[in-house]
Amino acid sequence: MTPFSLIYSLHVLAALVWVGGMFFAWMVLRPAAITALEGPARLKLWVEVFQGFFRWVWVAVVLLPVSGVGMLHMHFNGFEGAPRYVQVMMGLYVVMTALFIRIQALMLPELRTAVAGQDWPAGAAVLGRIRKLVGVNLLVGLAVVVIAAARPMF
């Protein structure tokens, strides 16, 4: 395995964990939780899910720019040589990261507080807002995947 293919593989895996995790949460876990659990149990589940998943998202948040910059220098000789689609992907990464940080830093503590205080209506309202931002982030992430697939770096 070449150094570039190792960095590229780590980059793809980080994106897969983040975008795939959001897809799984939105399309599979959320509908199953709605069907199988009452409101309070569902809110408690999501607090735990976010806590575990966000650890992995932080790994992706760090690994994606590190590996991305590495690929830029190895394949395009730096930022100046990067094609427009790479620059778009970098911008969308910033958007995704900002949305993620908003959820984790501002909304997740609010959800935890509501669940700890057994304020189920407030918890449901926060979870609804989180769901919308995760949905937006998922769409942005899927757009990045489409851009990457449509314009391969090789």
Protein backbone atom coordinates (compact mmCIF):
# COMPACT_ATOMS: atom_id res chain seq x y z
CA MET A 1 0.00 0.00 0.00
CA THR A 2 1.39 3.38 -0.99
CA PRO A 3 1.41 6.30 1.44
CA PHE A 4 -1.22 8.04 -0.69
CA SER A 5 -3.54 5.02 -0.74
CA LEU A 6 -3.21 4.69 3.05
CA ILE A 7 -4.13 8.35 3.58
CA TYR A 8 -6.94 8.11 1.02
CA SER A 9 -8.31 4.98 2.73
CA LEU A 10 -8.31 6.70 6.13
CA HIS A 11 -10.05 9.70 4.58
CA VAL A 12 -12.77 7.56 3.00
CA LEU A 13 -13.26 5.57 6.21
CA ALA A 14 -13.65 8.75 8.26
CA ALA A 15 -16.26 10.06 5.82
CA LEU A 16 -18.01 6.69 5.81
CA VAL A 17 -18.25 6.64 9.61
CA TRP A 18 -19.67 10.17 9.79
CA VAL A 19 -22.05 10.17 6.84
CA GLY A 20 -22.96 6.49 7.20
CA GLY A 21 -23.66 6.97 10.89
CA MET A 22 -26.02 9.84 10.16
CA PHE A 23 -27.74 7.82 7.45
CA PHE A 24 -28.19 4.87 9.81
CA ALA A 25 -29.50 7.10 12.60
CA TRP A 26 -31.92 8.96 10.34
CA MET A 27 -33.17 6.12 8.16
CA VAL A 28 -33.02 3.06 10.46
CA LEU A 29 -32.58 3.85 14.15
CA ARG A 30 -35.02 6.77 14.35
CA PRO A 31 -37.98 4.90 12.79
CA ALA A 32 -37.25 1.80 14.90
CA ALA A 33 -37.03 3.87 18.10
CA ILE A 34 -40.33 5.57 17.31
CA THR A 35 -41.99 2.20 16.77
CA ALA A 36 -40.46 0.35 19.70
CA LEU A 37 -40.07 2.93 22.48
CA GLU A 38 -42.20 5.36 24.42
CA GLY A 39 -41.13 9.01 24.45
CA PRO A 40 -39.04 9.01 27.67
CA ALA A 41 -37.19 5.83 26.73
CA ARG A 42 -36.62 7.17 23.22
CA LEU A 43 -35.11 10.39 24.59
CA LYS A 44 -32.82 8.44 26.93
CA LEU A 45 -31.74 6.26 24.01
CA TRP A 46 -30.83 9.28 21.90
CA VAL A 47 -28.74 10.82 24.68
CA GLU A 48 -26.70 7.60 24.79
CA VAL A 49 -26.55 7.25 21.00
CA PHE A 50 -25.29 10.80 20.53
CA GLN A 51 -22.68 10.37 23.24
CA GLY A 52 -21.25 7.26 21.58
CA PHE A 53 -21.60 8.41 17.98
CA PHE A 54 -20.15 11.86 18.59
CA ARG A 55 -16.89 10.32 19.84
CA TRP A 56 -16.51 8.76 16.40
CA VAL A 57 -17.56 11.97 14.65
CA TRP A 58 -14.77 13.80 16.47
CA VAL A 59 -12.32 11.25 15.08
CA ALA A 60 -13.69 11.99 11.60
CA VAL A 61 -13.64 15.76 12.20
CA VAL A 62 -9.91 15.56 12.98
CA LEU A 63 -8.95 12.87 10.47
CA LEU A 64 -10.71 14.34 7.43
CA PRO A 65 -8.77 17.63 7.22
CA VAL A 66 -5.48 15.99 8.19
CA SER A 67 -5.81 13.30 5.54
CA GLY A 68 -7.33 15.78 3.07
CA VAL A 69 -4.41 18.18 3.38
CA GLY A 70 -2.04 15.22 3.07
CA MET A 71 -3.73 14.17 -0.17
CA LEU A 72 -3.66 17.76 -1.45
CA HIS A 73 0.08 17.91 -1.01
CA MET A 74 0.75 14.41 -2.32
CA HIS A 75 -1.56 14.52 -5.34
CA PHE A 76 -2.02 18.20 -6.28
CA ASN A 77 1.20 19.74 -4.90
CA GLY A 78 -0.76 21.88 -2.43
CA PHE A 79 -3.88 24.00 -2.29
CA GLU A 80 -3.09 25.99 -5.43
CA GLY A 81 -3.16 22.88 -7.60
CA ALA A 82 -6.41 21.54 -6.17
CA PRO A 83 -9.34 21.46 -8.59
CA ARG A 84 -12.56 23.32 -7.82
CA TYR A 85 -14.42 20.19 -6.67
CA VAL A 86 -11.83 19.65 -3.91
CA GLN A 87 -12.30 23.23 -2.76
CA VAL A 88 -16.08 22.71 -2.72
CA MET A 89 -15.64 19.56 -0.65
CA MET A 90 -13.46 21.48 1.80
CA GLY A 91 -16.11 24.17 2.14
CA LEU A 92 -18.85 21.61 2.72
CA TYR A 93 -16.66 19.96 5.39
CA VAL A 94 -16.61 23.32 7.21
CA VAL A 95 -20.41 23.51 7.00
CA MET A 96 -20.79 19.96 8.31
CA THR A 97 -18.38 20.58 11.15
CA ALA A 98 -20.14 23.80 12.15
CA LEU A 99 -23.51 22.01 12.24
CA PHE A 100 -22.02 19.14 14.25
CA ILE A 101 -20.43 21.50 16.79
CA ARG A 102 -23.71 23.39 17.11
CA ILE A 103 -25.51 20.14 17.90
CA GLN A 104 -22.91 18.88 20.35
CA ALA A 105 -22.05 22.12 22.12
CA LEU A 106 -25.45 23.79 22.26
CA MET A 107 -28.24 21.30 21.71
CA LEU A 108 -26.99 18.07 23.28
CA PRO A 109 -26.47 19.68 26.72
CA GLU A 110 -30.01 21.02 26.49
CA LEU A 111 -31.29 17.52 25.67
CA ARG A 112 -29.31 16.00 28.56
CA THR A 113 -30.71 18.58 30.97
CA ALA A 114 -34.28 17.94 29.84
CA VAL A 115 -33.87 14.16 30.13
CA ALA A 116 -32.16 14.39 33.54
CA GLY A 117 -35.02 16.61 34.76
CA GLN A 118 -37.60 14.34 33.14
CA ASP A 119 -38.92 17.30 31.19
CA TRP A 120 -40.09 15.13 28.31
CA PRO A 121 -41.82 17.87 26.25
CA ALA A 122 -38.67 20.03 26.34
CA GLY A 123 -36.53 17.00 25.50
CA ALA A 124 -38.76 16.12 22.57
CA ALA A 125 -38.55 19.69 21.28
CA VAL A 126 -34.74 19.68 21.45
CA LEU A 127 -34.55 16.26 19.83
CA GLY A 128 -36.75 17.55 17.01
CA ARG A 129 -34.35 20.45 16.41
CA ILE A 130 -31.38 18.08 16.51
CA ARG A 131 -33.11 15.79 14.04
CA LYS A 132 -33.54 18.66 11.58
CA LEU A 133 -29.89 19.69 11.79
CA VAL A 134 -28.72 16.09 11.45
CA GLY A 135 -30.97 15.83 8.38
CA VAL A 136 -29.36 18.92 6.86
CA ASN A 137 -25.90 17.60 7.73
CA LEU A 138 -26.76 14.25 6.18
CA LEU A 139 -27.79 15.95 2.94
CA VAL A 140 -24.58 17.98 2.89
CA GLY A 141 -22.56 14.83 3.59
CA LEU A 142 -24.30 12.93 0.82
CA ALA A 143 -23.57 15.83 -1.53
CA VAL A 144 -19.88 15.57 -0.64
CA VAL A 145 -19.97 11.84 -1.37
CA VAL A 146 -21.60 12.48 -4.76
CA ILE A 147 -19.00 15.12 -5.59
CA ALA A 148 -16.18 12.78 -4.59
CA ALA A 149 -17.64 9.88 -6.57
CA ALA A 150 -18.34 12.00 -9.65
CA ARG A 151 -14.85 13.51 -9.67
CA PRO A 152 -12.39 10.87 -8.46
CA MET A 153 -8.97 12.08 -7.43
CA PHE A 154 -7.08 9.49 -9.48
